[in-house]
Amino acid sequence: MILAFLDTLNPGQTLLLVLALFGVIGARKVWKWYRVFKPQWDAFQAWKTSAIAAVVQPVTSTPTIPIPTPAAPTIPITPHESLVLDLSRISREAVAGANGALQNPPAHLDTARAYIQKYVPHGRVSFPIGWWTDSQTIHLAVGHFIGDIYNILVTAMPGSGKDNLILNMAYSLMHDYSPEELQFFVMDGKGGADYLDWDKKQHVFHIAEEGYQLTEAMELLSAIKLDRKRWLKQARVSSWDNYRGADRPPLMIVIISELTQLLEVMTRSEVESWLMREVNVWRGLGLRLVVGTQNTSGWSKEWRAAMECFFAGLQPSGDEVRPNTGKTTKELEEVLQVVPPHRLPNVRGLFTAVHRNTAVNVRTTYLDDDQRMLLALRLPDLTPEQSLAQRREKARLVAAWQSFNRMISASSDSQPHFVEHETSIAPHVSEEPITPMPSAAEGLNQGLGYDRLALERLLVAISQNRSRKLEELADEPLFIQACVVEYARVKSNSGVVRALWGEQGYSGTKDRVVKAALERAAQLQRGVQDDTFLQGLLAA
């Protein structure tokens, strides 16, 4: 009967019937599979949810600034008193026109510390930035000095709370980490009124309170950098963050409370060269930088490029927005949806915090003189033995640094071009065809003036090691010596770059590194009689 029925159908109808039968059979199979596997899938999802909940506890208020949450912090968190977070008495009212910045932040810094303990348990050297609200919940923006933020620029007009924000960060860290884990290095130059009694604290390795002390402090920082570079090489690790041994030096946070104070001891170009030379290397050595100033509009953008985090208070005009935040007004308002610093209300403690592509408007807790005194009293003082040991350590660092400089100076003095070659190098000379470099062996045999083979090994090592930066070459005696020799031959920075890296190896970064090396050589040779030559190097 079925065959007779099929015989009456044309081919098209037969095909449709067959497809319909397969559809019915397929639907039954799918339904069967659904009934069998659905309970197993539900059980898997329930297990997955419970596993995640066990690792990541639900948080009712999270910081706006991104917070990495590594499985194991690089620095173990120091056991300290357990703080109870109570925000029930804090008003959720925001400052008018400040995009949610809290009108009345908690009056005591311990509230921010309790917030970090509760909501940021896996933070790496975490510190408070400022408070904000979405009208329902109070939030604290939090940053980290490990795996998150390495260099910070804090700017604001006088009286806007720039130093207060820095002190919020510093006192919070000193109360939550031991002196063995964390040290501060302060370059103030304004008399030290904001850092009273810090010179007596175990957490403070050095403080330059007066302007005349800044040069000595900068030399000590260079000595610390050299010492840590040698320690890394001896420890056979590429960066401070990767070392897990108990003998690792403490994380050192350098505070320049007012950048313009450095102009008392050096020119603006020298300050900028020092910043470029130092900051680009510090992050791998366990050093962090916090720079404070009114605004950086007149400063070079090259060193500001190393700043990945900006806290900008009130500024007088829109011209100061990009130099102090790294973003344009349009980017802040339309993309990041925050109030730019020149449009902030004239309220103390308001900041536009920008970290890469995230931003938030916050207000910091105001630390009055009484609270600052209390916070300082709670910190451990140096014992006489510790104070003596600290002075001896500084003397050791500076002696090693001076010995390093003498080695560079002696190496440079041994080159005949300092006294025998022409005594005038023009700062801007049109480039001439460059004579091809001889091979390493030929160069040494012909009195090239430096070990070409060793230099090539150094350049290859820098290029192949991602944890090392090109700027480190400016501290290498061999590279400095090679730059001096080649500059005397080709009379231009770009010529030196091509001589050392080849005709196709030129780049702006290499040009700047060569310039930094020549400046270092010139600074070390200020005492020689061939002053015209040194002026030429400084002008290069």
Protein backbone atom coordinates (compact mmCIF):
# COMPACT_ATOMS: atom_id res chain seq x y z
CA MET A 1 0.00 0.00 0.00
CA ILE A 2 2.84 2.36 0.87
CA LEU A 3 4.59 1.45 -2.36
CA ALA A 4 1.42 2.13 -4.32
CA PHE A 5 1.15 5.53 -2.61
CA LEU A 6 4.76 6.38 -3.42
CA ASP A 7 4.24 5.28 -7.01
CA THR A 8 1.60 8.00 -7.42
CA LEU A 9 4.04 10.77 -6.42
CA ASN A 10 6.29 12.61 -8.79
CA PRO A 11 10.06 12.79 -8.01
CA GLY A 12 9.80 16.22 -6.38
CA GLN A 13 7.03 15.14 -4.02
CA THR A 14 8.97 11.97 -3.17
CA LEU A 15 12.05 14.04 -2.24
CA LEU A 16 10.03 16.34 0.02
CA LEU A 17 8.47 13.34 1.76
CA VAL A 18 11.87 11.75 2.39
CA LEU A 19 13.22 15.03 3.81
CA ALA A 20 10.19 15.32 6.07
CA LEU A 21 10.76 11.82 7.42
CA PHE A 22 14.43 12.59 8.13
CA GLY A 23 13.35 15.81 9.88
CA VAL A 24 10.99 13.92 12.18
CA ILE A 25 13.66 11.34 12.97
CA GLY A 26 16.25 14.09 13.59
CA ALA A 27 13.96 16.04 15.90
CA ARG A 28 13.34 12.90 17.99
CA LYS A 29 17.10 12.31 18.23
CA VAL A 30 17.74 15.92 19.30
CA TRP A 31 15.02 15.73 21.93
CA LYS A 32 16.49 12.48 23.24
CA TRP A 33 19.97 13.95 23.44
CA TYR A 34 18.58 17.06 25.18
CA ARG A 35 16.82 14.99 27.87
CA VAL A 36 19.94 12.90 28.47
CA PHE A 37 22.64 15.61 28.48
CA LYS A 38 20.72 18.62 29.84
CA PRO A 39 21.03 17.54 33.51
CA GLN A 40 24.77 16.92 33.02
CA TRP A 41 25.25 20.39 31.45
CA ASP A 42 23.33 22.03 34.31
CA ALA A 43 25.50 20.20 36.83
CA PHE A 44 28.66 21.38 35.05
CA GLN A 45 27.47 25.00 35.04
CA ALA A 46 26.63 24.81 38.75
CA TRP A 47 30.10 23.43 39.52
CA LYS A 48 31.74 26.16 37.38
CA THR A 49 29.80 28.93 39.18
CA SER A 50 30.69 27.61 42.62
CA ALA A 51 34.38 27.24 41.65
CA ILE A 52 34.59 30.83 40.45
CA ALA A 53 32.75 32.08 43.52
CA ALA A 54 35.28 30.30 45.72
CA VAL A 55 38.17 32.15 44.05
CA VAL A 56 36.63 35.53 43.29
CA GLN A 57 34.42 36.75 46.08
CA PRO A 58 31.56 38.98 44.96
CA VAL A 59 32.41 42.65 45.40
CA THR A 60 29.75 45.28 45.83
CA SER A 61 32.04 48.15 44.87
CA THR A 62 35.09 47.87 42.65
CA PRO A 63 37.75 50.43 41.78
CA THR A 64 37.52 52.08 38.41
CA ILE A 65 41.25 51.97 37.70
CA PRO A 66 42.00 48.43 36.37
CA ILE A 67 43.48 46.17 39.02
CA PRO A 68 45.53 43.12 38.00
CA THR A 69 44.84 40.16 40.29
CA PRO A 70 47.82 37.79 40.03
CA ALA A 71 47.64 34.40 41.68
CA ALA A 72 50.63 35.12 43.90
CA PRO A 73 51.78 38.65 44.75
CA THR A 74 55.44 39.32 44.03
CA ILE A 75 55.83 41.05 47.41
CA PRO A 76 54.29 39.23 50.38
CA ILE A 77 51.79 41.41 52.18
CA THR A 78 53.02 42.38 55.61
CA PRO A 79 50.79 41.24 58.46
CA HIS A 80 49.16 44.30 59.95
CA GLU A 81 46.16 45.20 62.01
CA SER A 82 42.82 44.08 60.64
CA LEU A 83 40.76 47.13 59.78
CA VAL A 84 36.96 47.24 59.69
CA LEU A 85 35.40 49.07 56.75
CA ASP A 86 32.36 51.13 57.68
CA LEU A 87 30.98 53.50 55.04
CA SER A 88 27.47 53.69 56.52
CA ARG A 89 28.01 57.21 57.84
CA ILE A 90 29.61 58.54 54.66
CA SER A 91 27.30 60.66 52.50
CA ARG A 92 26.90 59.55 48.89
CA GLU A 93 26.60 63.12 47.70
CA ALA A 94 28.93 64.03 44.83
CA VAL A 95 30.67 67.31 44.09
CA ALA A 96 28.54 69.27 41.64
CA GLY A 97 30.13 69.27 38.20
CA ALA A 98 32.79 66.71 39.10
CA ASN A 99 31.33 63.55 37.54
CA GLY A 100 30.75 61.63 40.76
CA ALA A 101 33.77 62.69 42.82
CA LEU A 102 32.69 62.24 46.44
CA GLN A 103 31.73 65.49 48.18
CA ASN A 104 32.90 64.41 51.63
CA PRO A 105 35.44 61.56 51.49
CA PRO A 106 36.18 59.59 54.69
CA ALA A 107 38.09 61.79 57.08
CA HIS A 108 40.71 59.19 58.07
CA LEU A 109 43.21 57.35 55.87
CA ASP A 110 42.51 54.08 57.69
CA THR A 111 39.16 53.91 55.90
CA ALA A 112 40.95 53.70 52.55
CA ARG A 113 43.30 51.06 53.96
CA ALA A 114 40.32 49.04 55.20
CA TYR A 115 38.69 49.32 51.76
CA ILE A 116 41.83 47.97 50.10
CA GLN A 117 42.06 45.11 52.62
CA LYS A 118 38.45 44.13 51.91
CA TYR A 119 38.11 44.60 48.18
CA VAL A 120 41.66 44.29 46.84
CA PRO A 121 43.10 41.26 48.64
CA HIS A 122 45.42 40.30 45.79
CA GLY A 123 46.71 43.77 44.95
CA ARG A 124 50.43 44.26 44.45
CA VAL A 125 51.61 47.12 46.66
CA SER A 126 48.20 48.79 46.48
CA PHE A 127 47.56 52.43 47.35
CA PRO A 128 44.49 54.72 47.42
CA ILE A 129 43.93 57.33 44.72
CA GLY A 130 40.59 58.93 45.61
CA TRP A 131 36.89 58.47 46.32
CA TRP A 132 33.89 58.64 43.98
CA THR A 133 30.24 57.58 43.93
CA ASP A 134 27.61 56.44 41.46
CA SER A 135 24.90 57.80 43.85
CA GLN A 136 24.22 54.26 45.10
CA THR A 137 27.64 53.01 46.19
CA ILE A 138 30.85 54.62 47.37
CA HIS A 139 33.98 53.54 45.50
CA LEU A 140 37.72 53.98 46.01
CA ALA A 141 40.01 54.11 42.97
CA VAL A 142 43.06 51.98 43.73
CA GLY A 143 46.42 51.63 41.99
CA HIS A 144 49.29 49.16 42.33
CA PHE A 145 53.05 49.58 42.02
CA ILE A 146 53.55 45.97 40.86
CA GLY A 147 52.19 44.91 37.50
CA ASP A 148 50.08 48.05 37.09
CA ILE A 149 51.68 51.47 37.60
CA TYR A 150 55.37 52.29 37.37
CA ASN A 151 55.58 56.08 36.91
CA ILE A 152 53.05 58.67 38.07
CA LEU A 153 52.70 62.35 37.21
CA VAL A 154 50.72 64.43 39.74
CA THR A 155 49.88 67.99 38.65
CA ALA A 156 47.68 70.73 40.08
CA MET A 157 47.60 74.45 40.71
CA PRO A 158 48.87 75.62 44.13
CA GLY A 159 46.44 74.75 46.91
CA SER A 160 44.64 72.04 44.92
CA GLY A 161 45.93 69.12 47.01
CA LYS A 162 48.82 67.71 44.97
CA ASP A 163 51.07 67.00 47.98
CA ASN A 164 48.09 65.73 49.95
CA LEU A 165 47.37 63.07 47.31
CA ILE A 166 51.01 61.94 47.34
CA LEU A 167 50.95 61.70 51.14
CA ASN A 168 47.76 59.60 51.02
CA MET A 169 49.59 57.12 48.82
CA ALA A 170 52.81 57.16 50.86
CA TYR A 171 51.37 56.85 54.37
CA SER A 172 49.02 54.07 53.28
CA LEU A 173 51.90 52.05 51.83
CA MET A 174 54.20 52.63 54.81
CA HIS A 175 51.51 51.37 57.18
CA ASP A 176 50.77 48.25 55.11
CA TYR A 177 54.30 47.16 54.15
CA SER A 178 57.44 46.67 56.20
CA PRO A 179 60.69 48.64 55.71
CA GLU A 180 62.24 45.44 54.35
CA GLU A 181 59.65 45.40 51.56
CA LEU A 182 59.27 49.09 50.81
CA GLN A 183 61.48 52.19 50.97
CA PHE A 184 60.93 55.83 50.03
CA PHE A 185 63.40 58.24 48.48
CA VAL A 186 62.18 61.85 48.66
CA MET A 187 63.47 64.82 46.66
CA ASP A 188 61.63 67.80 48.12
CA GLY A 189 63.84 70.89 48.01
CA LYS A 190 61.12 73.03 49.64
CA GLY A 191 62.24 72.69 53.24
CA GLY A 192 60.59 69.36 54.03
CA ALA A 193 57.45 70.81 55.65
CA ASP A 194 55.28 68.08 54.11
CA TYR A 195 57.69 65.35 55.24
CA LEU A 196 58.34 66.21 58.88
CA ASP A 197 60.37 63.57 60.76
CA TRP A 198 60.62 61.34 57.70
CA ASP A 199 64.41 61.35 58.03
CA LYS A 200 63.99 59.40 61.27
CA LYS A 201 61.78 56.64 59.84
CA GLN A 202 62.83 53.14 58.83
CA HIS A 203 60.73 53.35 55.65
CA VAL A 204 62.71 56.34 54.31
CA PHE A 205 66.09 55.63 52.76
CA HIS A 206 66.88 59.26 51.90
CA ILE A 207 65.24 62.68 51.92
CA ALA A 208 66.58 65.89 50.37
CA GLU A 209 64.73 68.67 52.16
CA GLU A 210 66.62 71.68 50.79
CA GLY A 211 67.44 72.67 47.22
CA TYR A 212 71.20 72.41 47.66
CA GLN A 213 70.78 68.74 48.63
CA LEU A 214 69.14 67.75 45.34
CA THR A 215 72.37 67.25 43.37
CA GLU A 216 73.66 64.86 46.01
CA ALA A 217 70.31 63.03 45.96
CA MET A 218 70.41 62.63 42.17
CA GLU A 219 73.92 61.21 42.38
CA LEU A 220 72.76 58.77 45.06
CA LEU A 221 69.88 57.65 42.81
CA SER A 222 72.31 57.00 39.97
CA ALA A 223 74.43 55.00 42.41
CA ILE A 224 71.39 52.93 43.45
CA LYS A 225 70.58 52.26 39.80
CA LEU A 226 74.12 51.05 39.13
CA ASP A 227 74.11 48.87 42.24
CA ARG A 228 70.80 47.22 41.30
CA LYS A 229 71.92 46.59 37.73
CA ARG A 230 74.95 44.76 39.10
CA TRP A 231 72.76 42.87 41.56
CA LEU A 232 70.45 41.73 38.74
CA LYS A 233 73.40 40.43 36.76
CA GLN A 234 74.73 38.59 39.79
CA ALA A 235 71.27 37.17 40.58
CA ARG A 236 70.95 36.09 36.93
CA VAL A 237 67.44 37.49 36.48
CA SER A 238 66.14 39.92 33.87
CA SER A 239 64.18 42.18 36.24
CA TRP A 240 63.54 42.86 39.91
CA ASP A 241 59.94 41.60 39.57
CA ASN A 242 61.11 38.13 38.52
CA TYR A 243 63.35 37.50 41.52
CA ARG A 244 61.82 35.42 44.31
CA GLY A 245 64.71 35.24 46.75
CA ALA A 246 64.55 36.59 50.29
CA ASP A 247 67.56 38.84 49.65
CA ARG A 248 65.79 40.99 47.05
CA PRO A 249 66.23 44.74 47.65
CA PRO A 250 63.08 46.55 48.76
CA LEU A 251 60.82 48.26 46.26
CA MET A 252 61.95 51.90 46.22
CA ILE A 253 59.47 54.68 45.49
CA VAL A 254 61.11 57.94 44.46
CA ILE A 255 59.07 61.09 45.11
CA ILE A 256 59.99 64.34 43.37
CA SER A 257 57.55 66.59 45.19
CA GLU A 258 58.13 69.61 42.92
CA LEU A 259 59.87 69.10 39.60
CA THR A 260 60.79 72.77 39.17
CA GLN A 261 62.94 72.63 42.31
CA LEU A 262 65.50 70.65 40.30
CA LEU A 263 66.04 73.79 38.20
CA GLU A 264 67.92 75.22 41.18
CA VAL A 265 70.81 72.86 40.51
CA MET A 266 70.68 72.22 36.73
CA THR A 267 69.16 73.50 33.50
CA ARG A 268 65.82 72.31 32.17
CA SER A 269 67.45 70.30 29.38
CA GLU A 270 69.72 68.60 31.92
CA VAL A 271 66.72 67.71 34.10
CA GLU A 272 64.88 66.27 31.10
CA SER A 273 67.95 64.29 29.99
CA TRP A 274 68.34 62.92 33.51
CA LEU A 275 64.68 61.89 33.63
CA MET A 276 64.84 60.17 30.24
CA ARG A 277 68.06 58.38 31.15
CA GLU A 278 66.86 57.19 34.55
CA VAL A 279 63.13 56.53 34.30
CA ASN A 280 63.26 54.23 31.29
CA VAL A 281 65.54 51.86 33.20
CA TRP A 282 64.06 52.04 36.70
CA ARG A 283 61.01 49.82 36.25
CA GLY A 284 63.13 46.68 35.82
CA LEU A 285 65.22 47.56 38.87
CA GLY A 286 62.45 47.82 41.44
CA LEU A 287 62.28 51.62 41.42
CA ARG A 288 59.07 53.62 40.94
CA LEU A 289 58.71 57.35 40.29
CA VAL A 290 56.11 59.86 41.48
CA VAL A 291 56.64 63.34 40.03
CA GLY A 292 54.70 66.33 41.34
CA THR A 293 54.53 69.79 39.78
CA GLN A 294 52.01 72.50 38.91
CA ASN A 295 51.90 71.58 35.21
CA THR A 296 54.24 70.20 32.56
CA SER A 297 53.15 72.30 29.58
CA GLY A 298 56.62 73.75 29.02
CA TRP A 299 58.48 70.47 29.47
CA SER A 300 59.61 67.96 26.85
CA LYS A 301 57.03 65.34 25.93
CA GLU A 302 59.70 62.67 25.57
CA TRP A 303 60.16 61.96 29.27
CA ARG A 304 56.42 62.40 29.86
CA ALA A 305 55.87 59.47 27.49
CA ALA A 306 57.28 57.20 30.22
CA MET A 307 54.45 58.25 32.55
CA GLU A 308 51.55 55.83 32.18
CA CYS A 309 49.46 57.22 35.03
CA PHE A 310 48.32 60.84 35.51
CA PHE A 311 46.55 62.51 38.44
CA ALA A 312 45.66 66.00 37.25
CA GLY A 313 44.05 68.57 39.54
CA LEU A 314 42.66 71.96 38.56
CA GLN A 315 44.43 73.63 35.61
CA PRO A 316 43.94 77.19 34.31
CA SER A 317 43.11 76.37 30.65
CA GLY A 318 42.58 73.63 28.10
CA ASP A 319 46.17 74.03 26.87
CA GLU A 320 47.33 72.16 30.00
CA VAL A 321 45.07 69.12 29.50
CA ARG A 322 47.16 66.92 27.20
CA PRO A 323 50.57 67.60 28.84
CA ASN A 324 49.14 66.68 32.26
CA THR A 325 46.86 63.76 31.38
CA GLY A 326 48.25 62.29 28.16
CA LYS A 327 44.79 62.78 26.60
CA THR A 328 43.01 65.56 24.74
CA THR A 329 39.94 67.30 26.13
CA LYS A 330 37.81 65.56 23.52
CA GLU A 331 39.16 62.12 24.49
CA LEU A 332 38.49 62.76 28.18
CA GLU A 333 34.96 64.05 27.67
CA GLU A 334 33.65 61.92 24.80
CA VAL A 335 35.59 58.67 25.08
CA LEU A 336 36.50 58.33 28.77
CA GLN A 337 33.52 60.45 29.93
CA VAL A 338 35.25 62.36 32.70
CA VAL A 339 35.65 66.03 33.48
CA PRO A 340 39.02 67.34 32.20
CA PRO A 341 41.21 69.12 34.76
CA HIS A 342 40.62 72.67 33.46
CA ARG A 343 36.85 72.21 33.97
CA LEU A 344 36.99 70.79 37.48
CA PRO A 345 35.24 72.85 40.19
CA ASN A 346 37.59 74.89 42.33
CA VAL A 347 37.47 72.39 45.20
CA ARG A 348 40.58 71.15 46.99
CA GLY A 349 41.44 67.50 46.43
CA LEU A 350 39.63 66.99 43.10
CA PHE A 351 41.56 65.09 40.42
CA THR A 352 41.10 63.59 37.00
CA ALA A 353 42.86 60.22 37.29
CA VAL A 354 43.92 58.70 33.96
CA HIS A 355 45.54 55.28 33.63
CA ARG A 356 46.08 54.24 30.04
CA ASN A 357 42.54 54.09 28.59
CA THR A 358 40.65 54.34 31.86
CA ALA A 359 39.76 57.49 33.78
CA VAL A 360 37.72 58.63 36.76
CA ASN A 361 37.14 61.84 38.72
CA VAL A 362 37.95 61.46 42.41
CA ARG A 363 38.43 63.42 45.60
CA THR A 364 41.14 62.53 48.10
CA THR A 365 40.97 62.33 51.87
CA TYR A 366 42.37 65.52 53.39
CA LEU A 367 45.20 64.84 55.81
CA ASP A 368 45.49 67.78 58.19
CA ASP A 369 48.60 68.43 60.27
CA ASP A 370 47.29 66.46 63.26
CA GLN A 371 46.55 63.37 61.18
CA ARG A 372 49.92 63.60 59.42
CA MET A 373 51.65 63.78 62.80
CA LEU A 374 49.67 60.77 64.05
CA LEU A 375 50.44 58.74 60.93
CA ALA A 376 54.14 59.55 61.23
CA LEU A 377 54.21 58.64 64.94
CA ARG A 378 52.79 55.20 64.15
CA LEU A 379 55.73 54.39 61.86
CA PRO A 380 58.89 52.71 63.28
CA ASP A 381 61.85 55.01 63.96
CA LEU A 382 65.43 54.25 63.02
CA THR A 383 67.54 52.95 65.87
CA PRO A 384 71.06 54.43 66.22
CA GLU A 385 72.48 51.20 64.80
CA GLN A 386 70.10 51.30 61.82
CA SER A 387 70.88 54.96 61.18
CA LEU A 388 74.61 54.22 61.15
CA ALA A 389 74.12 51.23 58.84
CA GLN A 390 72.05 53.39 56.47
CA ARG A 391 74.76 56.06 56.29
CA ARG A 392 77.38 53.40 55.59
CA GLU A 393 75.24 51.91 52.83
CA LYS A 394 74.85 55.32 51.17
CA ALA A 395 78.62 55.84 51.39
CA ARG A 396 79.22 52.43 49.80
CA LEU A 397 76.80 53.17 46.94
CA VAL A 398 78.31 56.59 46.20
CA ALA A 399 81.87 55.23 46.37
CA ALA A 400 80.98 52.51 43.84
CA TRP A 401 79.34 55.11 41.60
CA GLN A 402 82.35 57.42 41.75
CA SER A 403 84.66 54.51 41.00
CA PHE A 404 82.50 53.69 37.97
CA ASN A 405 82.75 57.29 36.77
CA ARG A 406 86.51 57.31 37.24
CA MET A 407 86.72 54.18 35.12
CA ILE A 408 84.77 55.89 32.33
CA SER A 409 86.88 59.02 32.69
CA ALA A 410 90.14 57.09 32.57
CA SER A 411 88.94 55.15 29.54
CA SER A 412 88.05 58.39 27.77
CA ASP A 413 91.31 60.10 28.79
CA SER A 414 93.28 57.27 27.19
CA GLN A 415 91.89 58.25 23.77
CA PRO A 416 94.28 60.62 21.91
CA HIS A 417 91.48 62.60 20.26
CA PHE A 418 90.75 64.46 23.49
CA VAL A 419 94.05 66.37 23.34
CA GLU A 420 95.48 65.80 19.90
CA HIS A 421 92.51 66.18 17.56
CA GLU A 422 90.91 69.45 16.57
CA THR A 423 89.59 71.47 19.50
CA SER A 424 86.33 72.62 18.01
CA ILE A 425 83.31 70.54 17.14
CA ALA A 426 80.39 72.52 15.75
CA PRO A 427 77.02 71.50 17.22
CA HIS A 428 75.33 71.37 13.81
CA VAL A 429 77.45 70.08 10.94
CA SER A 430 76.02 68.92 7.62
CA GLU A 431 76.47 65.20 7.20
CA GLU A 432 79.27 63.95 4.98
CA PRO A 433 79.70 60.52 3.43
CA ILE A 434 80.69 58.12 6.20
CA THR A 435 83.69 55.90 5.70
CA PRO A 436 82.66 52.24 6.06
CA MET A 437 83.58 50.77 9.42
CA PRO A 438 86.45 48.29 9.44
CA SER A 439 85.88 44.82 10.82
CA ALA A 440 86.41 44.19 14.51
CA ALA A 441 89.91 42.83 14.05
CA GLU A 442 90.88 45.56 11.59
CA GLY A 443 89.50 48.23 13.91
CA LEU A 444 91.56 47.05 16.84
CA ASN A 445 94.68 46.71 14.72
CA GLN A 446 94.24 50.20 13.28
CA GLY A 447 93.74 51.83 16.68
CA LEU A 448 89.96 52.26 16.40
CA GLY A 449 89.83 53.41 20.02
CA TYR A 450 87.38 50.85 21.45
CA ASP A 451 86.67 47.14 21.33
CA ARG A 452 84.36 46.82 18.34
CA LEU A 453 83.72 43.11 18.89
CA ALA A 454 82.72 43.63 22.52
CA LEU A 455 80.46 46.50 21.48
CA GLU A 456 78.71 44.32 18.90
CA ARG A 457 78.08 41.68 21.58
CA LEU A 458 76.65 44.37 23.86
CA LEU A 459 74.30 45.70 21.16
CA VAL A 460 73.10 42.20 20.32
CA ALA A 461 72.49 41.42 24.01
CA ILE A 462 70.39 44.57 24.41
CA SER A 463 68.34 43.89 21.28
CA GLN A 464 67.63 40.25 22.16
CA ASN A 465 66.68 40.80 25.80
CA ARG A 466 63.16 42.23 25.96
CA SER A 467 63.55 43.18 29.61
CA ARG A 468 66.42 45.55 28.81
CA LYS A 469 65.91 48.95 27.26
CA LEU A 470 68.06 50.69 24.70
CA GLU A 471 68.46 53.65 27.08
CA GLU A 472 70.64 51.46 29.35
CA LEU A 473 73.46 51.85 26.83
CA ALA A 474 73.99 55.43 28.02
CA ASP A 475 75.42 53.98 31.25
CA GLU A 476 77.75 51.48 29.59
CA PRO A 477 81.41 52.68 29.56
CA LEU A 478 82.14 50.81 26.33
CA PHE A 479 79.21 52.42 24.53
CA ILE A 480 80.07 55.90 25.85
CA GLN A 481 83.66 55.44 24.67
CA ALA A 482 82.49 54.28 21.21
CA CYS A 483 80.14 57.26 20.86
CA VAL A 484 82.91 59.73 21.72
CA VAL A 485 85.32 58.14 19.26
CA GLU A 486 82.79 57.99 16.43
CA TYR A 487 81.50 61.52 17.05
CA ALA A 488 85.02 62.87 16.72
CA ARG A 489 85.18 61.09 13.35
CA VAL A 490 81.76 61.79 11.76
CA LYS A 491 80.72 65.00 13.57
CA SER A 492 76.98 64.13 13.99
CA ASN A 493 74.71 62.03 16.19
CA SER A 494 73.08 60.34 13.21
CA GLY A 495 76.52 59.49 11.86
CA VAL A 496 77.40 57.80 15.15
CA VAL A 497 74.17 55.77 15.00
CA ARG A 498 74.96 54.55 11.48
CA ALA A 499 78.55 53.81 12.42
CA LEU A 500 77.48 51.64 15.35
CA TRP A 501 74.30 50.03 13.97
CA GLY A 502 74.87 50.17 10.20
CA GLU A 503 73.47 52.33 7.39
CA GLN A 504 69.95 50.93 7.82
CA GLY A 505 69.97 50.96 11.61
CA TYR A 506 69.05 54.60 12.25
CA SER A 507 66.11 55.46 14.56
CA GLY A 508 65.15 58.44 16.68
CA THR A 509 65.52 56.41 19.88
CA LYS A 510 69.09 55.42 19.01
CA ASP A 511 69.87 59.05 18.18
CA ARG A 512 68.67 60.11 21.65
CA VAL A 513 70.69 57.34 23.31
CA VAL A 514 73.83 58.50 21.51
CA LYS A 515 73.13 62.07 22.62
CA ALA A 516 72.71 60.92 26.24
CA ALA A 517 76.01 59.01 26.08
CA LEU A 518 77.83 62.07 24.70
CA GLU A 519 76.34 64.25 27.43
CA ARG A 520 77.49 61.74 30.04
CA ALA A 521 81.01 61.79 28.60
CA ALA A 522 81.03 65.58 28.56
CA GLN A 523 79.83 65.81 32.16
CA LEU A 524 82.58 63.44 33.26
CA GLN A 525 85.22 65.44 31.40
CA ARG A 526 84.37 68.94 32.64
CA GLY A 527 87.74 69.16 34.31
CA VAL A 528 89.87 68.75 31.20
CA GLN A 529 91.41 71.73 29.43
CA ASP A 530 89.79 71.01 26.06
CA ASP A 531 86.59 72.83 27.02
CA THR A 532 85.61 73.69 23.45
CA PHE A 533 85.40 70.02 22.63
CA LEU A 534 83.15 69.42 25.64
CA GLN A 535 80.85 72.27 24.68
CA GLY A 536 80.52 70.69 21.27
CA LEU A 537 79.50 67.40 22.84
CA LEU A 538 76.93 69.08 25.07
CA ALA A 539 75.46 70.93 22.11
CA ALA A 540 75.28 67.79 19.96
